[in-house]
């Protein structure tokens, strides 16, 4: 938003709820399909772009969380389980 000179208030004035904007900016809210559609309309890009941003963020969090990495490491590959 900064490169475009947009504030949270300005984005909220474009139809994105202020609490959603604040939650997204502060990493307390995920991009849902509905939010992706709204952001795509506001910014003139695709909802897939916004959903991919969320997916990449989720993957990064999982790969960099010690708790999640331990959980992933405990999973047994299918070939070894047979």
N, C-alpha and C. Protein backbone atom coordinates (compact mmCIF):
# COMPACT_ATOMS: atom_id res chain seq x y z
N UNK A 1 0.82 -1.19 0.00
CA UNK A 1 0.00 0.00 0.00
C UNK A 1 0.87 1.26 0.00
N UNK A 2 2.01 1.19 0.69
CA UNK A 2 2.87 2.38 0.78
C UNK A 2 3.31 2.88 -0.59
N UNK A 3 3.77 1.99 -1.50
CA UNK A 3 4.22 2.51 -2.80
C UNK A 3 3.11 3.24 -3.56
N UNK A 4 1.86 2.89 -3.27
CA UNK A 4 0.74 3.52 -3.95
C UNK A 4 0.22 4.74 -3.18
N UNK A 5 0.82 5.01 -2.02
CA UNK A 5 0.38 6.13 -1.21
C UNK A 5 -0.97 5.90 -0.54
N UNK A 6 -1.32 4.64 -0.33
CA UNK A 6 -2.62 4.32 0.29
C UNK A 6 -2.47 4.11 1.79
N UNK A 7 -3.42 4.63 2.51
CA UNK A 7 -3.49 4.37 3.94
C UNK A 7 -4.58 3.33 4.18
N UNK A 8 -4.63 2.82 5.38
CA UNK A 8 -5.69 1.88 5.74
C UNK A 8 -7.05 2.56 5.60
N UNK A 9 -7.14 3.81 5.97
CA UNK A 9 -8.40 4.55 5.87
C UNK A 9 -8.83 4.71 4.42
N UNK A 10 -7.87 4.98 3.53
CA UNK A 10 -8.20 5.14 2.11
C UNK A 10 -8.69 3.83 1.52
N UNK A 11 -8.06 2.74 1.89
CA UNK A 11 -8.49 1.43 1.40
C UNK A 11 -9.86 1.09 1.95
N UNK A 12 -10.11 1.43 3.19
CA UNK A 12 -11.43 1.19 3.77
C UNK A 12 -12.50 2.00 3.04
N UNK A 13 -12.13 3.20 2.58
CA UNK A 13 -13.08 4.04 1.84
C UNK A 13 -13.41 3.44 0.47
N UNK A 14 -12.56 2.53 -0.01
CA UNK A 14 -12.79 1.88 -1.30
C UNK A 14 -13.66 0.63 -1.17
N UNK A 15 -14.09 0.33 0.04
CA UNK A 15 -15.01 -0.79 0.22
C UNK A 15 -14.46 -1.97 0.98
N UNK A 16 -13.23 -1.89 1.44
CA UNK A 16 -12.67 -2.97 2.26
C UNK A 16 -12.86 -2.56 3.71
N UNK A 17 -13.50 -3.42 4.50
CA UNK A 17 -13.76 -3.04 5.89
C UNK A 17 -12.47 -2.69 6.61
N UNK A 18 -12.54 -1.62 7.39
CA UNK A 18 -11.35 -1.13 8.10
C UNK A 18 -10.74 -2.22 8.99
N UNK A 19 -11.57 -3.00 9.67
CA UNK A 19 -11.01 -4.03 10.55
C UNK A 19 -10.31 -5.12 9.74
N UNK A 20 -10.80 -5.41 8.51
CA UNK A 20 -10.12 -6.37 7.64
C UNK A 20 -8.78 -5.81 7.20
N UNK A 21 -8.76 -4.56 6.80
CA UNK A 21 -7.52 -3.92 6.36
C UNK A 21 -6.50 -3.96 7.49
N UNK A 22 -6.91 -3.57 8.67
CA UNK A 22 -6.00 -3.55 9.82
C UNK A 22 -5.50 -4.95 10.13
N UNK A 23 -6.39 -5.93 10.12
CA UNK A 23 -5.99 -7.31 10.40
C UNK A 23 -5.02 -7.85 9.37
N UNK A 24 -5.25 -7.54 8.10
CA UNK A 24 -4.34 -7.98 7.04
C UNK A 24 -2.98 -7.32 7.19
N UNK A 25 -2.98 -6.01 7.43
CA UNK A 25 -1.73 -5.26 7.55
C UNK A 25 -0.91 -5.70 8.76
N UNK A 26 -1.59 -6.14 9.81
CA UNK A 26 -0.90 -6.55 11.04
C UNK A 26 -0.78 -8.06 11.17
N UNK A 27 -1.01 -8.78 10.06
CA UNK A 27 -0.85 -10.23 10.01
C UNK A 27 -1.70 -10.97 11.05
N UNK A 28 -2.89 -10.45 11.30
CA UNK A 28 -3.81 -11.10 12.23
C UNK A 28 -5.02 -11.69 11.51
N UNK A 29 -5.09 -11.50 10.22
CA UNK A 29 -6.23 -11.98 9.43
C UNK A 29 -5.69 -12.56 8.13
N UNK A 30 -6.31 -13.66 7.71
CA UNK A 30 -5.92 -14.29 6.45
C UNK A 30 -6.76 -13.74 5.30
N UNK A 31 -6.22 -13.85 4.10
CA UNK A 31 -6.97 -13.47 2.91
C UNK A 31 -7.92 -14.62 2.57
N UNK A 32 -9.20 -14.36 2.65
CA UNK A 32 -10.21 -15.35 2.29
C UNK A 32 -10.57 -15.16 0.82
N UNK A 33 -11.36 -16.09 0.28
CA UNK A 33 -11.79 -15.97 -1.11
C UNK A 33 -12.55 -14.67 -1.32
N UNK A 34 -13.44 -14.34 -0.40
CA UNK A 34 -14.23 -13.11 -0.54
C UNK A 34 -13.34 -11.87 -0.48
N UNK A 35 -12.38 -11.88 0.45
CA UNK A 35 -11.46 -10.74 0.55
C UNK A 35 -10.60 -10.64 -0.70
N UNK A 36 -10.18 -11.78 -1.25
CA UNK A 36 -9.38 -11.79 -2.47
C UNK A 36 -10.17 -11.16 -3.63
N UNK A 37 -11.46 -11.46 -3.70
CA UNK A 37 -12.29 -10.87 -4.75
C UNK A 37 -12.39 -9.35 -4.60
N UNK A 38 -12.55 -8.90 -3.37
CA UNK A 38 -12.64 -7.46 -3.10
C UNK A 38 -11.32 -6.77 -3.44
N UNK A 39 -10.20 -7.33 -2.96
CA UNK A 39 -8.90 -6.73 -3.22
C UNK A 39 -8.58 -6.72 -4.71
N UNK A 40 -8.95 -7.78 -5.41
CA UNK A 40 -8.73 -7.83 -6.85
C UNK A 40 -9.50 -6.72 -7.56
N UNK A 41 -10.70 -6.48 -7.12
CA UNK A 41 -11.51 -5.42 -7.73
C UNK A 41 -10.91 -4.04 -7.45
N UNK A 42 -10.48 -3.83 -6.21
CA UNK A 42 -9.91 -2.54 -5.82
C UNK A 42 -8.58 -2.28 -6.55
N UNK A 43 -7.71 -3.29 -6.59
CA UNK A 43 -6.37 -3.09 -7.15
C UNK A 43 -6.27 -3.43 -8.63
N UNK A 44 -7.32 -4.00 -9.21
CA UNK A 44 -7.31 -4.29 -10.64
C UNK A 44 -6.45 -5.48 -11.03
N UNK A 45 -6.33 -6.43 -10.13
CA UNK A 45 -5.61 -7.65 -10.48
C UNK A 45 -6.52 -8.85 -10.22
N UNK A 46 -5.98 -10.04 -10.09
CA UNK A 46 -6.83 -11.22 -9.97
C UNK A 46 -6.97 -11.67 -8.52
N UNK A 47 -8.08 -12.35 -8.20
CA UNK A 47 -8.22 -12.93 -6.87
C UNK A 47 -7.16 -14.00 -6.62
N UNK A 48 -6.73 -14.68 -7.70
CA UNK A 48 -5.68 -15.69 -7.55
C UNK A 48 -4.39 -15.08 -7.02
N UNK A 49 -4.08 -13.86 -7.44
CA UNK A 49 -2.90 -13.18 -6.92
C UNK A 49 -2.95 -13.11 -5.40
N UNK A 50 -4.08 -12.65 -4.86
CA UNK A 50 -4.22 -12.47 -3.42
C UNK A 50 -4.24 -13.80 -2.68
N UNK A 51 -4.89 -14.82 -3.26
CA UNK A 51 -4.90 -16.13 -2.62
C UNK A 51 -3.50 -16.75 -2.64
N UNK A 52 -2.73 -16.50 -3.69
CA UNK A 52 -1.36 -17.00 -3.75
C UNK A 52 -0.46 -16.29 -2.74
N UNK A 53 -0.71 -15.01 -2.51
CA UNK A 53 0.04 -14.29 -1.47
C UNK A 53 -0.21 -14.96 -0.13
N UNK A 54 -1.46 -15.30 0.15
CA UNK A 54 -1.80 -15.96 1.41
C UNK A 54 -1.16 -17.34 1.49
N UNK A 55 -1.22 -18.10 0.39
CA UNK A 55 -0.65 -19.44 0.36
C UNK A 55 0.86 -19.40 0.61
N UNK A 56 1.55 -18.47 -0.04
CA UNK A 56 3.00 -18.35 0.16
C UNK A 56 3.32 -17.96 1.60
N UNK A 57 2.52 -17.09 2.16
CA UNK A 57 2.72 -16.69 3.55
C UNK A 57 2.52 -17.88 4.50
N UNK A 58 1.48 -18.66 4.25
CA UNK A 58 1.22 -19.84 5.08
C UNK A 58 2.36 -20.84 5.00
N UNK A 59 2.86 -21.09 3.78
CA UNK A 59 3.99 -22.02 3.60
C UNK A 59 5.24 -21.51 4.31
N UNK A 60 5.52 -20.22 4.19
CA UNK A 60 6.69 -19.65 4.84
C UNK A 60 6.59 -19.83 6.36
N UNK A 61 5.41 -19.54 6.90
CA UNK A 61 5.21 -19.69 8.34
C UNK A 61 5.44 -21.13 8.78
N UNK A 62 4.89 -22.10 8.03
CA UNK A 62 5.04 -23.51 8.38
C UNK A 62 6.50 -23.95 8.30
N UNK A 63 7.21 -23.50 7.28
CA UNK A 63 8.60 -23.91 7.11
C UNK A 63 9.53 -23.26 8.12
N UNK A 64 9.13 -22.15 8.70
CA UNK A 64 9.99 -21.42 9.62
C UNK A 64 9.54 -21.48 11.07
N UNK A 65 8.55 -22.28 11.36
CA UNK A 65 8.07 -22.46 12.72
C UNK A 65 8.66 -23.75 13.28
N UNK A 66 9.43 -23.69 14.35
CA UNK A 66 9.99 -24.92 14.92
C UNK A 66 8.91 -25.95 15.26
N UNK A 67 7.80 -25.49 15.78
CA UNK A 67 6.70 -26.41 16.14
C UNK A 67 6.15 -27.12 14.90
N UNK A 68 5.91 -26.37 13.83
CA UNK A 68 5.38 -26.96 12.61
C UNK A 68 6.42 -27.86 11.94
N UNK A 69 7.69 -27.46 11.97
CA UNK A 69 8.74 -28.29 11.36
C UNK A 69 8.84 -29.63 12.07
N UNK A 70 8.71 -29.62 13.39
CA UNK A 70 8.74 -30.88 14.15
C UNK A 70 7.55 -31.76 13.78
N UNK A 71 6.40 -31.14 13.64
CA UNK A 71 5.19 -31.87 13.27
C UNK A 71 5.34 -32.49 11.88
N UNK A 72 5.91 -31.73 10.96
CA UNK A 72 6.12 -32.22 9.59
C UNK A 72 7.12 -33.38 9.60
N UNK A 73 8.18 -33.25 10.39
CA UNK A 73 9.22 -34.28 10.45
C UNK A 73 8.67 -35.60 10.99
N UNK A 74 7.64 -35.56 11.82
CA UNK A 74 7.05 -36.79 12.38
C UNK A 74 6.19 -37.55 11.38
N UNK A 75 5.83 -36.91 10.29
CA UNK A 75 4.98 -37.57 9.28
C UNK A 75 5.79 -38.67 8.59
N UNK A 76 5.16 -39.82 8.41
CA UNK A 76 5.80 -40.96 7.77
C UNK A 76 5.50 -40.95 6.29
N UNK A 77 6.54 -40.96 5.46
CA UNK A 77 6.29 -41.03 4.01
C UNK A 77 5.50 -42.29 3.66
N UNK A 78 4.67 -42.22 2.67
CA UNK A 78 3.77 -43.32 2.30
C UNK A 78 4.52 -44.61 2.01
N UNK A 79 5.61 -44.57 1.28
CA UNK A 79 6.37 -45.79 0.94
C UNK A 79 6.91 -46.47 2.18
N UNK A 80 7.36 -45.68 3.15
CA UNK A 80 7.93 -46.26 4.37
C UNK A 80 6.84 -46.86 5.27
N UNK A 81 5.63 -46.39 5.13
CA UNK A 81 4.54 -46.88 5.99
C UNK A 81 4.01 -48.23 5.51
N UNK A 82 4.21 -48.55 4.24
CA UNK A 82 3.63 -49.78 3.66
C UNK A 82 4.41 -51.02 4.04
